[in-house]
Amino acid sequence: VHLDTGIMSGADIVAAIALGADFTLVGRAYLYGLMAGGREGVDRMIEILSEQITRTMRLLGVTSLAELTPAHVTQLERLAPRALSIPAATAPRPPARATTGPPVTPKTAPPKAGPRKSPIAS
């Protein structure tokens, strides 16, 4: 299984592997590194992704990619019920009001004043 869409961090790579990907493609991150710093930018992007992968694995308590399972990817499942428990998130919305009458147009600027007369009488 190959994953190629939206991979922008080491955590994205870890999540993809935990969900069964054999590898991920990082085209956009690669291009950002290339645009920002040429070859050195790409090298730095690879370093950053490696550091993020290591950090994410430590936070998950695993020492190898083989230890990752779908159970390690729980953020969306945790956040969705919490968001749905907020009354404003589940309250029915009133229907959009239809308007009658002429269309609303942007206000026009007041007419420009003519040339100013000199306060000094000639």
PDB file of N, CA and C in Angstrom:
ATOM      1  N   VAL A   1       0.856  -1.172   0.000  1.00  0.00           N
ATOM      2  CA  VAL A   1       0.000   0.000   0.000  1.00  0.00           C
ATOM      3  C   VAL A   1       0.898   1.230   0.000  1.00  0.00           C
ATOM      4  N   HIS A   2       0.612   2.160  -0.890  1.00  0.00           N
ATOM      5  CA  HIS A   2       1.376   3.399  -1.003  1.00  0.00           C
ATOM      6  C   HIS A   2       0.420   4.556  -0.729  1.00  0.00           C
ATOM      7  N   LEU A   3       0.857   5.530   0.028  1.00  0.00           N
ATOM      8  CA  LEU A   3       0.009   6.681   0.337  1.00  0.00           C
ATOM      9  C   LEU A   3       0.648   7.927  -0.238  1.00  0.00           C
ATOM     10  N   ASP A   4      -0.141   8.688  -0.987  1.00  0.00           N
ATOM     11  CA  ASP A   4       0.382   9.903  -1.614  1.00  0.00           C
ATOM     12  C   ASP A   4      -0.693  10.980  -1.639  1.00  0.00           C
ATOM     13  N   THR A   5      -0.899  11.644  -0.564  1.00  0.00           N
ATOM     14  CA  THR A   5      -1.750  12.830  -0.532  1.00  0.00           C
ATOM     15  C   THR A   5      -1.697  13.427   0.848  1.00  0.00           C
ATOM     16  N   GLY A   6      -1.290  14.668   0.931  1.00  0.00           N
ATOM     17  CA  GLY A   6      -1.349  15.400   2.181  1.00  0.00           C
ATOM     18  C   GLY A   6      -0.299  15.053   3.212  1.00  0.00           C
ATOM     19  N   ILE A   7       0.738  14.342   2.853  1.00  0.00           N
ATOM     20  CA  ILE A   7       1.786  14.007   3.816  1.00  0.00           C
ATOM     21  C   ILE A   7       2.682  15.225   3.981  1.00  0.00           C
ATOM     22  N   MET A   8       2.603  15.876   5.150  1.00  0.00           N
ATOM     23  CA  MET A   8       3.374  17.093   5.383  1.00  0.00           C
ATOM     24  C   MET A   8       4.206  17.036   6.653  1.00  0.00           C
ATOM     25  N   SER A   9       4.107  15.940   7.413  1.00  0.00           N
ATOM     26  CA  SER A   9       4.873  15.864   8.656  1.00  0.00           C
ATOM     27  C   SER A   9       5.240  14.415   8.948  1.00  0.00           C
ATOM     28  N   GLY A  10       6.168  14.263   9.879  1.00  0.00           N
ATOM     29  CA  GLY A  10       6.536  12.928  10.317  1.00  0.00           C
ATOM     30  C   GLY A  10       5.370  12.205  10.973  1.00  0.00           C
ATOM     31  N   ALA A  11       4.515  12.950  11.672  1.00  0.00           N
ATOM     32  CA  ALA A  11       3.338  12.340  12.299  1.00  0.00           C
ATOM     33  C   ALA A  11       2.399  11.776  11.235  1.00  0.00           C
ATOM     34  N   ASP A  12       2.272  12.464  10.089  1.00  0.00           N
ATOM     35  CA  ASP A  12       1.457  11.940   8.989  1.00  0.00           C
ATOM     36  C   ASP A  12       2.032  10.620   8.480  1.00  0.00           C
ATOM     37  N   ILE A  13       3.345  10.546   8.383  1.00  0.00           N
ATOM     38  CA  ILE A  13       4.002   9.325   7.909  1.00  0.00           C
ATOM     39  C   ILE A  13       3.767   8.186   8.896  1.00  0.00           C
ATOM     40  N   VAL A  14       3.925   8.459  10.186  1.00  0.00           N
ATOM     41  CA  VAL A  14       3.706   7.436  11.216  1.00  0.00           C
ATOM     42  C   VAL A  14       2.258   6.956  11.177  1.00  0.00           C
ATOM     43  N   ALA A  15       1.304   7.879  11.050  1.00  0.00           N
ATOM     44  CA  ALA A  15      -0.108   7.492  10.999  1.00  0.00           C
ATOM     45  C   ALA A  15      -0.380   6.618   9.777  1.00  0.00           C
ATOM     46  N   ALA A  16       0.177   6.981   8.632  1.00  0.00           N
ATOM     47  CA  ALA A  16      -0.037   6.194   7.417  1.00  0.00           C
ATOM     48  C   ALA A  16       0.506   4.778   7.577  1.00  0.00           C
ATOM     49  N   ILE A  17       1.688   4.653   8.147  1.00  0.00           N
ATOM     50  CA  ILE A  17       2.285   3.329   8.350  1.00  0.00           C
ATOM     51  C   ILE A  17       1.478   2.533   9.373  1.00  0.00           C
ATOM     52  N   ALA A  18       1.023   3.205  10.427  1.00  0.00           N
ATOM     53  CA  ALA A  18       0.205   2.521  11.434  1.00  0.00           C
ATOM     54  C   ALA A  18      -1.093   1.999  10.831  1.00  0.00           C
ATOM     55  N   LEU A  19      -1.604   2.704   9.828  1.00  0.00           N
ATOM     56  CA  LEU A  19      -2.854   2.285   9.191  1.00  0.00           C
ATOM     57  C   LEU A  19      -2.638   1.302   8.047  1.00  0.00           C
ATOM     58  N   GLY A  20      -1.377   0.895   7.812  1.00  0.00           N
ATOM     59  CA  GLY A  20      -1.118  -0.165   6.850  1.00  0.00           C
ATOM     60  C   GLY A  20      -0.338   0.209   5.612  1.00  0.00           C
ATOM     61  N   ALA A  21       0.072   1.458   5.465  1.00  0.00           N
ATOM     62  CA  ALA A  21       0.859   1.835   4.288  1.00  0.00           C
ATOM     63  C   ALA A  21       2.250   1.217   4.372  1.00  0.00           C
ATOM     64  N   ASP A  22       2.754   0.768   3.236  1.00  0.00           N
ATOM     65  CA  ASP A  22       4.127   0.267   3.181  1.00  0.00           C
ATOM     66  C   ASP A  22       5.109   1.430   3.107  1.00  0.00           C
ATOM     67  N   PHE A  23       4.712   2.492   2.424  1.00  0.00           N
ATOM     68  CA  PHE A  23       5.509   3.716   2.393  1.00  0.00           C
ATOM     69  C   PHE A  23       4.632   4.873   1.949  1.00  0.00           C
ATOM     70  N   THR A  24       5.133   6.077   2.147  1.00  0.00           N
ATOM     71  CA  THR A  24       4.405   7.279   1.748  1.00  0.00           C
ATOM     72  C   THR A  24       5.282   8.104   0.810  1.00  0.00           C
ATOM     73  N   LEU A  25       4.645   8.900   0.012  1.00  0.00           N
ATOM     74  CA  LEU A  25       5.342   9.834  -0.866  1.00  0.00           C
ATOM     75  C   LEU A  25       5.215  11.222  -0.244  1.00  0.00           C
ATOM     76  N   VAL A  26       6.245  12.023  -0.382  1.00  0.00           N
ATOM     77  CA  VAL A  26       6.245  13.349   0.252  1.00  0.00           C
ATOM     78  C   VAL A  26       6.569  14.433  -0.778  1.00  0.00           C
ATOM     79  N   GLY A  27       5.871  14.429  -1.884  1.00  0.00           N
ATOM     80  CA  GLY A  27       6.160  15.360  -2.963  1.00  0.00           C
ATOM     81  C   GLY A  27       6.053  16.820  -2.582  1.00  0.00           C
ATOM     82  N   ARG A  28       4.976  17.199  -1.914  1.00  0.00           N
ATOM     83  CA  ARG A  28       4.797  18.610  -1.583  1.00  0.00           C
ATOM     84  C   ARG A  28       5.852  19.085  -0.595  1.00  0.00           C
ATOM     85  N   ALA A  29       6.111  18.303   0.431  1.00  0.00           N
ATOM     86  CA  ALA A  29       7.135  18.682   1.413  1.00  0.00           C
ATOM     87  C   ALA A  29       8.498  18.781   0.732  1.00  0.00           C
ATOM     88  N   TYR A  30       8.767  17.854  -0.177  1.00  0.00           N
ATOM     89  CA  TYR A  30      10.027  17.875  -0.935  1.00  0.00           C
ATOM     90  C   TYR A  30      10.132  19.167  -1.743  1.00  0.00           C
ATOM     91  N   LEU A  31       9.046  19.532  -2.429  1.00  0.00           N
ATOM     92  CA  LEU A  31       9.071  20.750  -3.246  1.00  0.00           C
ATOM     93  C   LEU A  31       9.215  22.003  -2.395  1.00  0.00           C
ATOM     94  N   TYR A  32       8.568  22.036  -1.232  1.00  0.00           N
ATOM     95  CA  TYR A  32       8.725  23.194  -0.343  1.00  0.00           C
ATOM     96  C   TYR A  32      10.185  23.339   0.078  1.00  0.00           C
ATOM     97  N   GLY A  33      10.818  22.226   0.419  1.00  0.00           N
ATOM     98  CA  GLY A  33      12.229  22.265   0.785  1.00  0.00           C
ATOM     99  C   GLY A  33      13.089  22.734  -0.372  1.00  0.00           C
ATOM    100  N   LEU A  34      12.780  22.247  -1.572  1.00  0.00           N
ATOM    101  CA  LEU A  34      13.535  22.632  -2.762  1.00  0.00           C
ATOM    102  C   LEU A  34      13.386  24.124  -3.048  1.00  0.00           C
ATOM    103  N   MET A  35      12.156  24.627  -2.957  1.00  0.00           N
ATOM    104  CA  MET A  35      11.927  26.051  -3.221  1.00  0.00           C
ATOM    105  C   MET A  35      12.587  26.931  -2.168  1.00  0.00           C
ATOM    106  N   ALA A  36      12.583  26.472  -0.932  1.00  0.00           N
ATOM    107  CA  ALA A  36      13.121  27.292   0.157  1.00  0.00           C
ATOM    108  C   ALA A  36      14.642  27.321   0.179  1.00  0.00           C
ATOM    109  N   GLY A  37      15.281  26.233  -0.244  1.00  0.00           N
ATOM    110  CA  GLY A  37      16.734  26.220  -0.083  1.00  0.00           C
ATOM    111  C   GLY A  37      17.495  25.334  -1.034  1.00  0.00           C
ATOM    112  N   GLY A  38      16.882  24.993  -2.164  1.00  0.00           N
ATOM    113  CA  GLY A  38      17.592  24.140  -3.113  1.00  0.00           C
ATOM    114  C   GLY A  38      17.895  22.775  -2.505  1.00  0.00           C
ATOM    115  N   ARG A  39      19.037  22.215  -2.867  1.00  0.00           N
ATOM    116  CA  ARG A  39      19.413  20.887  -2.361  1.00  0.00           C
ATOM    117  C   ARG A  39      19.494  20.877  -0.837  1.00  0.00           C
ATOM    118  N   GLU A  40      20.061  21.947  -0.260  1.00  0.00           N
ATOM    119  CA  GLU A  40      20.163  22.025   1.201  1.00  0.00           C
ATOM    120  C   GLU A  40      18.770  22.056   1.837  1.00  0.00           C
ATOM    121  N   GLY A  41      17.821  22.705   1.172  1.00  0.00           N
ATOM    122  CA  GLY A  41      16.450  22.739   1.682  1.00  0.00           C
ATOM    123  C   GLY A  41      15.814  21.363   1.695  1.00  0.00           C
ATOM    124  N   VAL A  42      16.083  20.574   0.651  1.00  0.00           N
ATOM    125  CA  VAL A  42      15.563  19.201   0.600  1.00  0.00           C
ATOM    126  C   VAL A  42      16.211  18.362   1.694  1.00  0.00           C
ATOM    127  N   ASP A  43      17.524  18.505   1.854  1.00  0.00           N
ATOM    128  CA  ASP A  43      18.219  17.767   2.915  1.00  0.00           C
ATOM    129  C   ASP A  43      17.640  18.122   4.281  1.00  0.00           C
ATOM    130  N   ARG A  44      17.386  19.401   4.505  1.00  0.00           N
ATOM    131  CA  ARG A  44      16.831  19.838   5.796  1.00  0.00           C
ATOM    132  C   ARG A  44      15.418  19.305   5.979  1.00  0.00           C
ATOM    133  N   MET A  45      14.618  19.282   4.909  1.00  0.00           N
ATOM    134  CA  MET A  45      13.262  18.748   4.995  1.00  0.00           C
ATOM    135  C   MET A  45      13.300  17.281   5.411  1.00  0.00           C
ATOM    136  N   ILE A  46      14.238  16.518   4.859  1.00  0.00           N
ATOM    137  CA  ILE A  46      14.367  15.105   5.228  1.00  0.00           C
ATOM    138  C   ILE A  46      14.773  14.972   6.696  1.00  0.00           C
ATOM    139  N   GLU A  47      15.680  15.822   7.159  1.00  0.00           N
ATOM    140  CA  GLU A  47      16.069  15.816   8.580  1.00  0.00           C
ATOM    141  C   GLU A  47      14.866  16.109   9.470  1.00  0.00           C
ATOM    142  N   ILE A  48      14.084  17.116   9.096  1.00  0.00           N
ATOM    143  CA  ILE A  48      12.916  17.498   9.905  1.00  0.00           C
ATOM    144  C   ILE A  48      11.923  16.347   9.968  1.00  0.00           C
ATOM    145  N   LEU A  49      11.619  15.727   8.812  1.00  0.00           N
ATOM    146  CA  LEU A  49      10.686  14.601   8.813  1.00  0.00           C
ATOM    147  C   LEU A  49      11.213  13.457   9.674  1.00  0.00           C
ATOM    148  N   SER A  50      12.504  13.178   9.596  1.00  0.00           N
ATOM    149  CA  SER A  50      13.098  12.109  10.414  1.00  0.00           C
ATOM    150  C   SER A  50      12.965  12.412  11.901  1.00  0.00           C
ATOM    151  N   GLU A  51      13.238  13.663  12.280  1.00  0.00           N
ATOM    152  CA  GLU A  51      13.093  14.065  13.690  1.00  0.00           C
ATOM    153  C   GLU A  51      11.642  13.928  14.143  1.00  0.00           C
ATOM    154  N   GLN A  52      10.699  14.324  13.283  1.00  0.00           N
ATOM    155  CA  GLN A  52       9.282  14.232  13.644  1.00  0.00           C
ATOM    156  C   GLN A  52       8.833  12.779  13.770  1.00  0.00           C
ATOM    157  N   ILE A  53       9.319  11.916  12.889  1.00  0.00           N
ATOM    158  CA  ILE A  53       8.979  10.488  12.982  1.00  0.00           C
ATOM    159  C   ILE A  53       9.485   9.925  14.306  1.00  0.00           C
ATOM    160  N   THR A  54      10.731  10.224  14.646  1.00  0.00           N
ATOM    161  CA  THR A  54      11.312   9.737  15.902  1.00  0.00           C
ATOM    162  C   THR A  54      10.526  10.252  17.097  1.00  0.00           C
ATOM    163  N   ARG A  55      10.207  11.541  17.108  1.00  0.00           N
ATOM    164  CA  ARG A  55       9.459  12.140  18.222  1.00  0.00           C
ATOM    165  C   ARG A  55       8.071  11.506  18.351  1.00  0.00           C
ATOM    166  N   THR A  56       7.384  11.332  17.231  1.00  0.00           N
ATOM    167  CA  THR A  56       6.042  10.749  17.266  1.00  0.00           C
ATOM    168  C   THR A  56       6.085   9.320  17.784  1.00  0.00           C
ATOM    169  N   MET A  57       7.067   8.548  17.340  1.00  0.00           N
ATOM    170  CA  MET A  57       7.178   7.170  17.814  1.00  0.00           C
ATOM    171  C   MET A  57       7.461   7.122  19.309  1.00  0.00           C
ATOM    172  N   ARG A  58       8.305   8.021  19.799  1.00  0.00           N
ATOM    173  CA  ARG A  58       8.576   8.067  21.244  1.00  0.00           C
ATOM    174  C   ARG A  58       7.309   8.405  22.019  1.00  0.00           C
ATOM    175  N   LEU A  59       6.546   9.369  21.517  1.00  0.00           N
ATOM    176  CA  LEU A  59       5.301   9.736  22.199  1.00  0.00           C
ATOM    177  C   LEU A  59       4.306   8.580  22.211  1.00  0.00           C
ATOM    178  N   LEU A  60       4.352   7.743  21.178  1.00  0.00           N
ATOM    179  CA  LEU A  60       3.458   6.584  21.117  1.00  0.00           C
ATOM    180  C   LEU A  60       3.995   5.390  21.901  1.00  0.00           C
ATOM    181  N   GLY A  61       5.247   5.477  22.336  1.00  0.00           N
ATOM    182  CA  GLY A  61       5.828   4.387  23.118  1.00  0.00           C
ATOM    183  C   GLY A  61       6.266   3.198  22.288  1.00  0.00           C
ATOM    184  N   VAL A  62       6.608   3.420  21.020  1.00  0.00           N
ATOM    185  CA  VAL A  62       7.093   2.333  20.172  1.00  0.00           C
ATOM    186  C   VAL A  62       8.534   2.621  19.770  1.00  0.00           C
ATOM    187  N   THR A  63       9.263   1.543  19.491  1.00  0.00           N
ATOM    188  CA  THR A  63      10.668   1.709  19.107  1.00  0.00           C
ATOM    189  C   THR A  63      10.941   1.301  17.668  1.00  0.00           C
ATOM    190  N   SER A  64       9.934   0.729  16.992  1.00  0.00           N
ATOM    191  CA  SER A  64      10.117   0.370  15.583  1.00  0.00           C
ATOM    192  C   SER A  64       8.801   0.569  14.841  1.00  0.00           C
ATOM    193  N   LEU A  65       8.905   0.780  13.537  1.00  0.00           N
ATOM    194  CA  LEU A  65       7.704   0.958  12.724  1.00  0.00           C
ATOM    195  C   LEU A  65       6.835  -0.296  12.745  1.00  0.00           C
ATOM    196  N   ALA A  66       7.444  -1.460  12.909  1.00  0.00           N
ATOM    197  CA  ALA A  66       6.699  -2.722  12.932  1.00  0.00           C
ATOM    198  C   ALA A  66       5.737  -2.798  14.115  1.00  0.00           C
ATOM    199  N   GLU A  67       5.999  -2.036  15.169  1.00  0.00           N
ATOM    200  CA  GLU A  67       5.129  -2.048  16.350  1.00  0.00           C
ATOM    201  C   GLU A  67       3.860  -1.223  16.158  1.00  0.00           C
ATOM    202  N   LEU A  68       3.820  -0.393  15.136  1.00  0.00           N
ATOM    203  CA  LEU A  68       2.667   0.483  14.932  1.00  0.00           C
ATOM    204  C   LEU A  68       1.453  -0.310  14.472  1.00  0.00           C
ATOM    205  N   THR A  69       0.297   0.043  15.014  1.00  0.00           N
ATOM    206  CA  THR A  69      -0.967  -0.581  14.631  1.00  0.00           C
ATOM    207  C   THR A  69      -2.010   0.521  14.447  1.00  0.00           C
ATOM    208  N   PRO A  70      -3.146   0.209  13.835  1.00  0.00           N
ATOM    209  CA  PRO A  70      -4.205   1.215  13.710  1.00  0.00           C
ATOM    210  C   PRO A  70      -4.661   1.772  15.062  1.00  0.00           C
ATOM    211  N   ALA A  71      -4.453   1.032  16.136  1.00  0.00           N
ATOM    212  CA  ALA A  71      -4.840   1.524  17.468  1.00  0.00           C
ATOM    213  C   ALA A  71      -4.036   2.754  17.874  1.00  0.00           C
ATOM    214  N   HIS A  72      -2.886   2.968  17.250  1.00  0.00           N
ATOM    215  CA  HIS A  72      -2.078   4.147  17.565  1.00  0.00           C
ATOM    216  C   HIS A  72      -2.639   5.424  16.942  1.00  0.00           C
ATOM    217  N   VAL A  73      -3.586   5.291  16.025  1.00  0.00           N
ATOM    218  CA  VAL A  73      -4.165   6.456  15.347  1.00  0.00           C
ATOM    219  C   VAL A  73      -5.567   6.657  15.910  1.00  0.00           C
ATOM    220  N   THR A  74      -5.661   7.498  16.935  1.00  0.00           N
ATOM    221  CA  THR A  74      -6.952   7.672  17.610  1.00  0.00           C
ATOM    222  C   THR A  74      -7.408   9.116  17.715  1.00  0.00           C
ATOM    223  N   GLN A  75      -6.641  10.062  17.259  1.00  0.00           N
ATOM    224  CA  GLN A  75      -6.964  11.469  17.483  1.00  0.00           C
ATOM    225  C   GLN A  75      -8.339  11.841  16.951  1.00  0.00           C
ATOM    226  N   LEU A  76      -8.650  11.504  15.715  1.00  0.00           N
ATOM    227  CA  LEU A  76      -9.932  11.908  15.158  1.00  0.00           C
ATOM    228  C   LEU A  76     -11.089  11.256  15.896  1.00  0.00           C
ATOM    229  N   GLU A  77     -10.936  10.006  16.290  1.00  0.00           N
ATOM    230  CA  GLU A  77     -11.989   9.334  17.032  1.00  0.00           C
ATOM    231  C   GLU A  77     -12.198   9.991  18.388  1.00  0.00           C
ATOM    232  N   ARG A  78     -11.119  10.468  19.010  1.00  0.00           N
ATOM    233  CA  ARG A  78     -11.247  11.132  20.308  1.00  0.00           C
ATOM    234  C   ARG A  78     -11.885  12.496  20.168  1.00  0.00           C
ATOM    235  N   LEU A  79     -11.521  13.233  19.129  1.00  0.00           N
ATOM    236  CA  LEU A  79     -11.998  14.599  18.992  1.00  0.00           C
ATOM    237  C   LEU A  79     -13.426  14.673  18.485  1.00  0.00           C
ATOM    238  N   ALA A  80     -13.845  13.745  17.646  1.00  0.00           N
ATOM    239  CA  ALA A  80     -15.183  13.820  17.079  1.00  0.00           C
ATOM    240  C   ALA A  80     -16.267  13.767  18.153  1.00  0.00           C
ATOM    241  N   PRO A  81     -16.251  12.800  19.096  1.00  0.00           N
ATOM    242  CA  PRO A  81     -17.297  12.797  20.118  1.00  0.00           C
ATOM    243  C   PRO A  81     -17.272  14.060  20.975  1.00  0.00           C
ATOM    244  N   ARG A  82     -16.096  14.575  21.258  1.00  0.00           N
ATOM    245  CA  ARG A  82     -15.991  15.781  22.070  1.00  0.00           C
ATOM    246  C   ARG A  82     -16.635  16.955  21.333  1.00  0.00           C
ATOM    247  N   ALA A  83     -16.387  17.069  20.052  1.00  0.00           N
ATOM    248  CA  ALA A  83     -16.958  18.167  19.276  1.00  0.00           C
ATOM    249  C   ALA A  83     -18.471  18.019  19.184  1.00  0.00           C
ATOM    250  N   LEU A  84     -18.956  16.787  19.059  1.00  0.00           N
ATOM    251  CA  LEU A  84     -20.396  16.587  18.943  1.00  0.00           C
ATOM    252  C   LEU A  84     -21.123  16.819  20.256  1.00  0.00           C
ATOM    253  N   SER A  85     -20.404  16.833  21.377  1.00  0.00           N
ATOM    254  CA  SER A  85     -21.056  17.082  22.662  1.00  0.00           C
ATOM    255  C   SER A  85     -21.263  18.570  22.914  1.00  0.00           C
ATOM    256  N   ILE A  86     -20.732  19.416  22.054  1.00  0.00           N
ATOM    257  CA  ILE A  86     -20.917  20.857  22.198  1.00  0.00           C
ATOM    258  C   ILE A  86     -22.270  21.211  21.595  1.00  0.00           C
ATOM    259  N   PRO A  87     -23.184  21.814  22.380  1.00  0.00           N
ATOM    260  CA  PRO A  87     -24.528  22.094  21.868  1.00  0.00           C
ATOM    261  C   PRO A  87     -24.535  22.880  20.557  1.00  0.00           C
ATOM    262  N   ALA A  88     -23.655  23.851  20.419  1.00  0.00           N
ATOM    263  CA  ALA A  88     -23.652  24.661  19.202  1.00  0.00           C
ATOM    264  C   ALA A  88     -23.288  23.837  17.973  1.00  0.00           C
ATOM    265  N   ALA A  89     -22.522  22.765  18.169  1.00  0.00           N
ATOM    266  CA  ALA A  89     -22.097  21.954  17.031  1.00  0.00           C
ATOM    267  C   ALA A  89     -23.225  21.095  16.495  1.00  0.00           C
ATOM    268  N   THR A  90     -24.197  20.739  17.343  1.00  0.00           N
ATOM    269  CA  THR A  90     -25.267  19.845  16.914  1.00  0.00           C
ATOM    270  C   THR A  90     -26.620  20.528  16.815  1.00  0.00           C
ATOM    271  N   ALA A  91     -26.712  21.790  17.215  1.00  0.00           N
ATOM    272  CA  ALA A  91     -27.994  22.497  17.163  1.00  0.00           C
ATOM    273  C   ALA A  91     -28.426  22.673  15.712  1.00  0.00           C
ATOM    274  N   PRO A  92     -29.735  22.472  15.457  1.00  0.00           N
ATOM    275  CA  PRO A  92     -30.192  22.688  14.082  1.00  0.00           C
ATOM    276  C   PRO A  92     -30.043  24.159  13.701  1.00  0.00           C
ATOM    277  N   ARG A  93     -29.685  24.377  12.487  1.00  0.00           N
ATOM    278  CA  ARG A  93     -29.521  25.749  12.021  1.00  0.00           C
ATOM    279  C   ARG A  93     -30.820  26.225  11.390  1.00  0.00           C
ATOM    280  N   PRO A  94     -31.149  27.492  11.605  1.00  0.00           N
ATOM    281  CA  PRO A  94     -32.365  27.997  10.964  1.00  0.00           C
ATOM    282  C   PRO A  94     -32.160  28.045   9.454  1.00  0.00           C
ATOM    283  N   PRO A  95     -33.251  27.873   8.705  1.00  0.00           N
ATOM    284  CA  PRO A  95     -33.098  27.934   7.256  1.00  0.00           C
ATOM    285  C   PRO A  95     -32.684  29.336   6.818  1.00  0.00           C
ATOM    286  N   ALA A  96     -32.009  29.404   5.711  1.00  0.00           N
ATOM    287  CA  ALA A  96     -31.603  30.707   5.186  1.00  0.00           C
ATOM    288  C   ALA A  96     -32.850  31.486   4.802  1.00  0.00           C
ATOM    289  N   ARG A  97     -32.837  32.780   5.116  1.00  0.00           N
ATOM    290  CA  ARG A  97     -33.999  33.605   4.797  1.00  0.00           C
ATOM    291  C   ARG A  97     -33.934  34.038   3.340  1.00  0.00           C
ATOM    292  N   ALA A  98     -35.057  33.907   2.692  1.00  0.00           N
ATOM    293  CA  ALA A  98     -35.140  34.420   1.330  1.00  0.00           C
ATOM    294  C   ALA A  98     -35.471  35.901   1.421  1.00  0.00           C
ATOM    295  N   THR A  99     -34.893  36.687   0.581  1.00  0.00           N
ATOM    296  CA  THR A  99     -35.181  38.118   0.595  1.00  0.00           C
ATOM    297  C   THR A  99     -35.994  38.476  -0.625  1.00  0.00           C
ATOM    298  N   THR A 100     -36.824  39.456  -0.458  1.00  0.00           N
ATOM    299  CA  THR A 100     -37.581  39.969  -1.592  1.00  0.00           C
ATOM    300  C   THR A 100     -37.191  41.411  -1.787  1.00  0.00           C
ATOM    301  N   GLY A 101     -37.392  41.895  -2.950  1.00  0.00           N
ATOM    302  CA  GLY A 101     -37.052  43.280  -3.220  1.00  0.00           C
ATOM    303  C   GLY A 101     -35.814  43.367  -4.077  1.00  0.00           C
ATOM    304  N   PRO A 102     -35.339  44.589  -4.263  1.00  0.00           N
ATOM    305  CA  PRO A 102     -34.186  44.769  -5.148  1.00  0.00           C
ATOM    306  C   PRO A 102     -32.930  44.157  -4.540  1.00  0.00           C
ATOM    307  N   PRO A 103     -32.007  43.753  -5.388  1.00  0.00           N
ATOM    308  CA  PRO A 103     -30.764  43.189  -4.870  1.00  0.00           C
ATOM    309  C   PRO A 103     -29.975  44.236  -4.098  1.00  0.00           C
ATOM    310  N   VAL A 104     -29.250  43.762  -3.133  1.00  0.00           N
ATOM    311  CA  VAL A 104     -28.421  44.654  -2.330  1.00  0.00           C
ATOM    312  C   VAL A 104     -27.175  44.977  -3.144  1.00  0.00           C
ATOM    313  N   THR A 105     -26.876  46.262  -3.230  1.00  0.00           N
ATOM    314  CA  THR A 105     -25.684  46.675  -3.969  1.00  0.00           C
ATOM    315  C   THR A 105     -24.753  47.403  -3.027  1.00  0.00           C
ATOM    316  N   PRO A 106     -23.470  47.392  -3.321  1.00  0.00           N
ATOM    317  CA  PRO A 106     -22.537  48.112  -2.452  1.00  0.00           C
ATOM    318  C   PRO A 106     -22.843  49.600  -2.454  1.00  0.00           C
ATOM    319  N   LYS A 107     -22.575  50.233  -1.327  1.00  0.00           N
ATOM    320  CA  LYS A 107     -22.784  51.674  -1.243  1.00  0.00           C
ATOM    321  C   LYS A 107     -21.827  52.364  -2.201  1.00  0.00           C
ATOM    322  N   THR A 108     -22.342  53.397  -2.812  1.00  0.00           N
ATOM    323  CA  THR A 108     -21.479  54.149  -3.715  1.00  0.00           C
ATOM    324  C   THR A 108     -20.833  55.285  -2.953  1.00  0.00           C
ATOM    325  N   ALA A 109     -19.683  55.664  -3.420  1.00  0.00           N
ATOM    326  CA  ALA A 109     -18.963  56.770  -2.781  1.00  0.00           C
ATOM    327  C   ALA A 109     -19.707  58.067  -3.060  1.00  0.00           C
ATOM    328  N   PRO A 110     -19.669  58.998  -2.115  1.00  0.00           N
ATOM    329  CA  PRO A 110     -20.330  60.277  -2.369  1.00  0.00           C
ATOM    330  C   PRO A 110     -19.666  60.958  -3.562  1.00  0.00           C
ATOM    331  N   PRO A 111     -20.434  61.783  -4.273  1.00  0.00           N
ATOM    332  CA  PRO A 111     -19.840  62.450  -5.433  1.00  0.00           C
ATOM    333  C   PRO A 111     -18.673  63.322  -5.012  1.00  0.00           C
ATOM    334  N   LYS A 112     -17.682  63.348  -5.860  1.00  0.00           N
ATOM    335  CA  LYS A 112     -16.507  64.168  -5.563  1.00  0.00           C
ATOM    336  C   LYS A 112     -16.866  65.639  -5.710  1.00  0.00           C
ATOM    337  N   ALA A 113     -16.309  66.430  -4.814  1.00  0.00           N
ATOM    338  CA  ALA A 113     -16.544  67.874  -4.872  1.00  0.00           C
ATOM    339  C   ALA A 113     -15.781  68.451  -6.053  1.00  0.00           C
ATOM    340  N   GLY A 114     -16.288  69.550  -6.587  1.00  0.00           N
ATOM    341  CA  GLY A 114     -15.626  70.224  -7.699  1.00  0.00           C
ATOM    342  C   GLY A 114     -14.352  70.903  -7.220  1.00  0.00           C
ATOM    343  N   PRO A 115     -13.698  71.640  -8.093  1.00  0.00           N
ATOM    344  CA  PRO A 115     -12.466  72.315  -7.692  1.00  0.00           C
ATOM    345  C   PRO A 115     -12.733  73.302  -6.571  1.00  0.00           C
ATOM    346  N   ARG A 116     -11.829  73.348  -5.644  1.00  0.00           N
ATOM    347  CA  ARG A 116     -11.985  74.262  -4.504  1.00  0.00           C
ATOM    348  C   ARG A 116     -11.643  75.678  -4.925  1.00  0.00           C
ATOM    349  N   LYS A 117     -12.440  76.602  -4.410  1.00  0.00           N
ATOM    350  CA  LYS A 117     -12.167  78.013  -4.676  1.00  0.00           C
ATOM    351  C   LYS A 117     -11.220  78.524  -3.618  1.00  0.00           C
ATOM    352  N   SER A 118     -10.355  79.360  -4.014  1.00  0.00           N
ATOM    353  CA  SER A 118      -9.391  79.938  -3.092  1.00  0.00           C
ATOM    354  C   SER A 118     -10.112  80.841  -2.105  1.00  0.00           C
ATOM    355  N   PRO A 119      -9.776  80.743  -0.807  1.00  0.00           N
ATOM    356  CA  PRO A 119     -10.414  81.627   0.170  1.00  0.00           C
ATOM    357  C   PRO A 119      -9.943  83.076   0.013  1.00  0.00           C
ATOM    358  N   ILE A 120      -8.902  83.266  -0.734  1.00  0.00           N
ATOM    359  CA  ILE A 120      -8.395  84.621  -0.943  1.00  0.00           C
ATOM    360  C   ILE A 120      -9.097  85.205  -2.162  1.00  0.00           C
ATOM    361  N   ALA A 121      -9.780  86.300  -1.946  1.00  0.00           N
ATOM    362  CA  ALA A 121     -10.498  86.926  -3.062  1.00  0.00           C
ATOM    363  C   ALA A 121      -9.507  87.518  -4.039  1.00  0.00           C
ATOM    364  N   SER A 122      -9.806  87.405  -5.285  1.00  0.00           N
ATOM    365  CA  SER A 122      -8.896  87.996  -6.251  1.00  0.00           C
ATOM    366  C   SER A 122      -9.342  89.378  -6.628  1.00  0.00           C
TER     367      SER A 122
END
